[in-house]
Amino acid sequence: MVLLTVDEVIASLGGTTNAAKTLGRSAQVVSHWKTNKKFPPKTFHLITNKLKRDGFEVSKDCWSWEDDI
């Protein structure tokens, strides 16, 4: 299954609090990503590798390819 949005990705990681724990970030940071609807590029491998193990792919459109968020 391909996840198309940041909200879908975070939901697949168990919601904001669980995603924060899984990714080693604060819930506030995860909420910021949800608001901006993009992940920072430095999270690409961490998120895609975790979700690949769970049978998911993530659309590349979920990332801002500029390191400003």
N, C-alpha and C. Protein backbone atom coordinates (compact mmCIF):
# COMPACT_ATOMS: atom_id res chain seq x y z
N MET A 1 0.85 -1.18 0.00
CA MET A 1 0.00 0.00 0.00
C MET A 1 0.89 1.23 0.00
N VAL A 2 0.53 2.21 -0.81
CA VAL A 2 1.27 3.46 -0.89
C VAL A 2 0.56 4.51 -0.05
N LEU A 3 1.31 5.12 0.86
CA LEU A 3 0.79 6.21 1.68
C LEU A 3 1.05 7.51 0.93
N LEU A 4 0.02 8.31 0.77
CA LEU A 4 0.12 9.49 -0.09
C LEU A 4 0.28 10.80 0.66
N THR A 5 -0.05 10.82 1.94
CA THR A 5 -0.01 12.07 2.70
C THR A 5 0.75 11.90 4.01
N VAL A 6 1.20 13.01 4.54
CA VAL A 6 1.87 13.00 5.85
C VAL A 6 0.92 12.46 6.91
N ASP A 7 -0.34 12.83 6.85
CA ASP A 7 -1.32 12.34 7.82
C ASP A 7 -1.44 10.81 7.76
N GLU A 8 -1.45 10.25 6.54
CA GLU A 8 -1.51 8.79 6.40
C GLU A 8 -0.26 8.13 6.98
N VAL A 9 0.89 8.73 6.74
CA VAL A 9 2.15 8.17 7.26
C VAL A 9 2.12 8.16 8.79
N ILE A 10 1.76 9.31 9.37
CA ILE A 10 1.74 9.41 10.83
C ILE A 10 0.70 8.45 11.42
N ALA A 11 -0.45 8.33 10.78
CA ALA A 11 -1.46 7.37 11.24
C ALA A 11 -0.92 5.94 11.19
N SER A 12 -0.16 5.60 10.13
CA SER A 12 0.39 4.24 10.03
C SER A 12 1.44 3.96 11.09
N LEU A 13 2.03 5.02 11.61
CA LEU A 13 3.01 4.87 12.69
C LEU A 13 2.33 4.89 14.06
N GLY A 14 1.00 4.92 14.07
CA GLY A 14 0.26 4.84 15.33
C GLY A 14 -0.18 6.17 15.90
N GLY A 15 -0.17 7.22 15.09
CA GLY A 15 -0.58 8.54 15.57
C GLY A 15 0.62 9.38 15.99
N THR A 16 0.34 10.60 16.36
CA THR A 16 1.39 11.56 16.66
C THR A 16 2.34 11.09 17.76
N THR A 17 1.81 10.66 18.88
CA THR A 17 2.65 10.27 20.01
C THR A 17 3.51 9.05 19.68
N ASN A 18 2.91 8.03 19.09
CA ASN A 18 3.68 6.83 18.72
C ASN A 18 4.68 7.12 17.61
N ALA A 19 4.30 7.96 16.65
CA ALA A 19 5.23 8.32 15.58
C ALA A 19 6.43 9.04 16.17
N ALA A 20 6.19 9.93 17.12
CA ALA A 20 7.29 10.66 17.75
C ALA A 20 8.24 9.70 18.45
N LYS A 21 7.71 8.74 19.18
CA LYS A 21 8.55 7.76 19.87
C LYS A 21 9.32 6.91 18.87
N THR A 22 8.64 6.43 17.85
CA THR A 22 9.25 5.57 16.85
C THR A 22 10.38 6.28 16.10
N LEU A 23 10.17 7.57 15.83
CA LEU A 23 11.13 8.32 15.02
C LEU A 23 12.14 9.09 15.86
N GLY A 24 12.01 9.01 17.18
CA GLY A 24 12.96 9.69 18.05
C GLY A 24 12.83 11.21 18.01
N ARG A 25 11.62 11.68 17.81
CA ARG A 25 11.35 13.12 17.77
C ARG A 25 10.29 13.44 18.82
N SER A 26 10.06 14.71 19.07
CA SER A 26 9.00 15.10 20.01
C SER A 26 7.66 15.11 19.28
N ALA A 27 6.59 15.00 20.06
CA ALA A 27 5.24 15.07 19.48
C ALA A 27 5.03 16.44 18.83
N GLN A 28 5.65 17.47 19.38
CA GLN A 28 5.52 18.82 18.81
C GLN A 28 6.13 18.87 17.40
N VAL A 29 7.26 18.22 17.22
CA VAL A 29 7.89 18.17 15.90
C VAL A 29 7.00 17.42 14.91
N VAL A 30 6.45 16.30 15.33
CA VAL A 30 5.57 15.52 14.45
C VAL A 30 4.33 16.35 14.10
N SER A 31 3.78 17.06 15.06
CA SER A 31 2.63 17.93 14.79
C SER A 31 2.99 19.02 13.78
N HIS A 32 4.20 19.53 13.87
CA HIS A 32 4.68 20.55 12.92
C HIS A 32 4.70 19.97 11.50
N TRP A 33 5.18 18.73 11.38
CA TRP A 33 5.18 18.09 10.06
C TRP A 33 3.76 17.96 9.52
N LYS A 34 2.83 17.59 10.41
CA LYS A 34 1.43 17.46 9.98
C LYS A 34 0.89 18.79 9.49
N THR A 35 1.20 19.86 10.22
CA THR A 35 0.73 21.19 9.83
C THR A 35 1.30 21.61 8.48
N ASN A 36 2.60 21.34 8.29
CA ASN A 36 3.27 21.72 7.03
C ASN A 36 2.99 20.75 5.89
N LYS A 37 2.46 19.58 6.22
CA LYS A 37 2.14 18.54 5.24
C LYS A 37 3.37 18.04 4.48
N LYS A 38 4.53 18.18 5.10
CA LYS A 38 5.78 17.68 4.52
C LYS A 38 6.72 17.23 5.64
N PHE A 39 7.55 16.24 5.31
CA PHE A 39 8.62 15.82 6.20
C PHE A 39 9.92 16.47 5.73
N PRO A 40 10.85 16.73 6.65
CA PRO A 40 12.15 17.22 6.21
C PRO A 40 12.94 16.10 5.54
N PRO A 41 13.83 16.43 4.61
CA PRO A 41 14.55 15.40 3.86
C PRO A 41 15.37 14.46 4.74
N LYS A 42 15.86 14.96 5.86
CA LYS A 42 16.71 14.10 6.70
C LYS A 42 15.95 12.93 7.33
N THR A 43 14.62 12.92 7.21
CA THR A 43 13.82 11.82 7.77
C THR A 43 13.47 10.75 6.72
N PHE A 44 13.87 10.96 5.48
CA PHE A 44 13.45 10.07 4.39
C PHE A 44 13.77 8.60 4.67
N HIS A 45 15.04 8.30 4.92
CA HIS A 45 15.42 6.90 5.10
C HIS A 45 14.82 6.30 6.36
N LEU A 46 14.79 7.06 7.42
CA LEU A 46 14.22 6.56 8.68
C LEU A 46 12.75 6.16 8.49
N ILE A 47 11.96 7.05 7.92
CA ILE A 47 10.53 6.78 7.76
C ILE A 47 10.28 5.70 6.71
N THR A 48 10.93 5.80 5.55
CA THR A 48 10.65 4.82 4.50
C THR A 48 11.10 3.42 4.91
N ASN A 49 12.24 3.31 5.58
CA ASN A 49 12.70 1.99 6.01
C ASN A 49 11.78 1.37 7.06
N LYS A 50 11.34 2.17 8.01
CA LYS A 50 10.42 1.67 9.05
C LYS A 50 9.12 1.18 8.41
N LEU A 51 8.54 1.98 7.54
CA LEU A 51 7.25 1.61 6.95
C LEU A 51 7.38 0.48 5.93
N LYS A 52 8.52 0.39 5.28
CA LYS A 52 8.74 -0.72 4.33
C LYS A 52 8.67 -2.05 5.07
N ARG A 53 9.23 -2.09 6.28
CA ARG A 53 9.17 -3.33 7.10
C ARG A 53 7.72 -3.68 7.44
N ASP A 54 6.86 -2.66 7.49
CA ASP A 54 5.45 -2.89 7.80
C ASP A 54 4.58 -3.06 6.55
N GLY A 55 5.22 -3.10 5.38
CA GLY A 55 4.50 -3.34 4.13
C GLY A 55 3.97 -2.10 3.44
N PHE A 56 4.48 -0.93 3.81
CA PHE A 56 4.02 0.31 3.20
C PHE A 56 5.11 0.96 2.38
N GLU A 57 4.69 1.71 1.38
CA GLU A 57 5.56 2.62 0.64
C GLU A 57 5.03 4.02 0.91
N VAL A 58 5.90 5.01 0.78
CA VAL A 58 5.49 6.40 1.02
C VAL A 58 5.77 7.21 -0.23
N SER A 59 4.79 8.00 -0.64
CA SER A 59 4.96 8.87 -1.80
C SER A 59 6.09 9.87 -1.54
N LYS A 60 6.93 10.07 -2.52
CA LYS A 60 8.01 11.04 -2.40
C LYS A 60 7.47 12.47 -2.26
N ASP A 61 6.21 12.67 -2.59
CA ASP A 61 5.58 13.99 -2.44
C ASP A 61 5.39 14.38 -0.98
N CYS A 62 5.60 13.44 -0.06
CA CYS A 62 5.46 13.73 1.37
C CYS A 62 6.67 14.48 1.93
N TRP A 63 7.70 14.65 1.10
CA TRP A 63 8.92 15.31 1.60
C TRP A 63 9.13 16.66 0.96
N SER A 64 9.61 17.58 1.77
CA SER A 64 10.14 18.84 1.27
C SER A 64 11.59 18.55 0.98
N TRP A 65 12.04 18.80 -0.20
CA TRP A 65 13.43 18.47 -0.53
C TRP A 65 14.36 19.64 -0.24
N GLU A 66 13.84 20.60 0.54
CA GLU A 66 14.66 21.67 1.07
C GLU A 66 14.67 21.47 2.58
N ASP A 67 15.78 21.68 3.21
CA ASP A 67 15.90 21.41 4.65
C ASP A 67 15.45 22.62 5.48
N ASP A 68 14.22 23.06 5.23
CA ASP A 68 13.75 24.26 5.94
C ASP A 68 12.58 24.00 6.87
N ILE A 69 12.21 22.73 7.07
CA ILE A 69 11.11 22.46 8.00
C ILE A 69 11.54 21.48 9.06
